[in-house]
Amino acid sequence: MNNYPDDFNISSDYATISHTGSSSAQLNLPTGLTIPPNSIYIQKKEMPLESVGILRLIVSSSTNPNRKVTSSSMALMRNFRLPTGEVTPMTVMIVGWLQSAGTAVCSMSVSNVYNGVLTYVGAAETFTVEARAMTFPY
């Protein structure tokens, strides 16, 4: 038996998981993005979601559109230039939540814990985030 919200419209002896509504948004990670010292870059998008239920995000990237990840949050590694000139992978977080009845939110954030400016050195990337409301009818 596989009874996880990641599996859409799956029937079991206990419940049927149903996809009841969805909405999408795009988050952009531009080449050359700079993040000031000791700060967090945040990009937030609201999505209308008429249905209620368990929130699942389906995320794909413009650089690999056929690779989709289903989650409620994920950490991606992307290359940034440090103040010293070195290039290092940094965590790009994409998370989603139900903000209120009828509104889902997704955000992308990058933390700069260094005392100098971080600069994104990778190719521009657009993340398409689809929010799906899932239900378990009991």
Protein backbone atom coordinates (compact mmCIF):
# COMPACT_ATOMS: atom_id res chain seq x y z
CA MET A 1 0.00 0.00 0.00
CA ASN A 2 1.34 3.43 -0.92
CA ASN A 3 -0.65 6.16 0.81
CA TYR A 4 1.45 9.31 0.38
CA PRO A 5 0.11 12.71 -0.78
CA ASP A 6 2.73 12.65 -3.56
CA ASP A 7 0.72 9.96 -5.33
CA PHE A 8 -2.29 11.52 -7.01
CA ASN A 9 -5.66 9.79 -7.21
CA ILE A 10 -4.47 6.54 -5.64
CA SER A 11 -7.10 4.26 -4.08
CA SER A 12 -6.43 1.99 -1.13
CA ASP A 13 -8.42 0.17 1.53
CA TYR A 14 -8.13 3.23 3.77
CA ALA A 15 -8.51 6.36 1.65
CA THR A 16 -8.54 7.86 -1.79
CA ILE A 17 -6.05 10.66 -2.34
CA SER A 18 -7.56 13.22 -4.68
CA HIS A 19 -6.17 16.24 -6.49
CA THR A 20 -8.78 18.93 -5.80
CA GLY A 21 -7.29 22.09 -7.30
CA SER A 22 -4.08 23.76 -8.40
CA SER A 23 -2.39 27.04 -9.24
CA SER A 24 1.11 27.96 -10.41
CA ALA A 25 3.74 30.69 -10.17
CA GLN A 26 7.29 31.29 -11.36
CA LEU A 27 10.32 32.18 -9.25
CA ASN A 28 13.34 33.67 -11.04
CA LEU A 29 17.00 33.31 -10.12
CA PRO A 30 18.76 35.85 -12.37
CA THR A 31 22.43 35.69 -13.36
CA GLY A 32 24.42 38.24 -11.39
CA LEU A 33 21.98 38.40 -8.47
CA THR A 34 23.79 40.03 -5.55
CA ILE A 35 22.93 39.45 -1.91
CA PRO A 36 24.18 41.97 0.67
CA PRO A 37 26.30 40.79 3.62
CA ASN A 38 24.52 38.99 6.46
CA SER A 39 21.12 39.09 4.79
CA ILE A 40 18.55 36.85 3.13
CA TYR A 41 17.26 37.22 -0.42
CA ILE A 42 13.56 36.32 -0.58
CA GLN A 43 11.22 36.14 -3.55
CA LYS A 44 7.60 35.37 -2.65
CA LYS A 45 4.60 34.67 -4.90
CA GLU A 46 0.97 34.18 -3.93
CA MET A 47 -1.21 31.74 -5.85
CA PRO A 48 -5.01 31.60 -5.73
CA LEU A 49 -6.10 28.14 -4.64
CA GLU A 50 -9.84 27.68 -4.36
CA SER A 51 -9.61 24.22 -2.85
CA VAL A 52 -8.37 23.29 0.58
CA GLY A 53 -6.37 20.26 1.61
CA ILE A 54 -2.82 19.03 2.00
CA LEU A 55 -0.49 21.31 0.03
CA ARG A 56 1.99 19.73 -2.36
CA LEU A 57 4.37 21.63 -4.64
CA ILE A 58 5.48 20.36 -8.03
CA VAL A 59 8.66 22.21 -9.00
CA SER A 60 10.50 22.21 -12.31
CA SER A 61 13.44 24.28 -13.53
CA SER A 62 13.90 26.03 -16.86
CA THR A 63 17.29 24.31 -17.16
CA ASN A 64 15.75 20.81 -16.71
CA PRO A 65 12.01 21.14 -17.43
CA ASN A 66 11.45 17.37 -17.61
CA ARG A 67 12.73 16.82 -14.07
CA LYS A 68 9.93 17.59 -11.64
CA VAL A 69 10.11 17.31 -7.88
CA THR A 70 7.09 16.92 -5.62
CA SER A 71 7.52 18.25 -2.11
CA SER A 72 6.41 20.92 0.33
CA SER A 73 9.96 22.28 0.54
CA MET A 74 13.26 21.64 -1.16
CA ALA A 75 16.87 22.74 -1.02
CA LEU A 76 18.78 23.19 -4.27
CA MET A 77 22.49 23.91 -4.61
CA ARG A 78 23.61 26.73 -6.92
CA ASN A 79 27.03 28.38 -7.37
CA PHE A 80 27.72 31.80 -5.87
CA ARG A 81 30.91 33.88 -5.82
CA LEU A 82 32.15 34.68 -2.33
CA PRO A 83 33.68 38.04 -1.37
CA THR A 84 37.12 36.36 -1.67
CA GLY A 85 36.49 35.51 -5.34
CA GLU A 86 36.02 31.80 -4.70
CA VAL A 87 32.94 30.07 -6.12
CA THR A 88 31.01 27.80 -3.78
CA PRO A 89 27.64 26.02 -3.81
CA MET A 90 24.99 27.74 -1.68
CA THR A 91 21.53 26.52 -0.69
CA VAL A 92 18.53 27.90 -2.56
CA MET A 93 15.37 27.04 -0.60
CA ILE A 94 11.95 26.75 -2.23
CA VAL A 95 9.05 26.32 0.19
CA GLY A 96 5.29 26.56 0.05
CA TRP A 97 2.45 26.91 2.48
CA LEU A 98 -1.25 27.65 2.69
CA GLN A 99 -1.40 31.29 3.76
CA SER A 100 -5.17 31.52 4.12
CA ALA A 101 -8.34 30.02 2.72
CA GLY A 102 -7.96 30.42 -1.02
CA THR A 103 -4.28 31.42 -1.07
CA ALA A 104 -1.13 29.32 -1.34
CA VAL A 105 2.31 30.92 -1.19
CA CYS A 106 5.67 29.82 -2.52
CA SER A 107 8.99 31.48 -1.85
CA MET A 108 12.62 31.15 -2.84
CA SER A 109 15.35 32.25 -0.45
CA VAL A 110 19.14 32.36 -0.29
CA SER A 111 20.99 33.22 2.93
CA ASN A 112 24.25 35.16 2.89
CA VAL A 113 26.10 34.46 6.14
CA TYR A 114 29.30 36.12 4.90
CA ASN A 115 30.60 39.62 5.64
CA GLY A 116 30.68 40.49 1.94
CA VAL A 117 28.38 40.43 -1.06
CA LEU A 118 27.42 37.06 -2.64
CA THR A 119 26.94 36.97 -6.42
CA TYR A 120 25.06 34.25 -8.32
CA VAL A 121 27.31 33.02 -11.15
CA GLY A 122 25.09 30.37 -12.73
CA ALA A 123 22.80 30.72 -15.72
CA ALA A 124 19.49 32.51 -15.23
CA GLU A 125 16.93 30.01 -14.04
CA THR A 126 13.16 30.06 -13.70
CA PHE A 127 11.46 27.66 -11.32
CA THR A 128 7.83 26.87 -12.10
CA VAL A 129 5.96 25.96 -8.94
CA GLU A 130 2.55 24.31 -9.14
CA ALA A 131 0.65 24.16 -5.87
CA ARG A 132 -1.85 21.32 -5.59
CA ALA A 133 -4.42 20.80 -2.88
CA MET A 134 -4.81 17.12 -2.01
CA THR A 135 -7.49 15.55 0.17
CA PHE A 136 -8.00 12.34 2.08
CA PRO A 137 -11.77 11.76 2.36
CA TYR A 138 -12.38 10.04 5.69
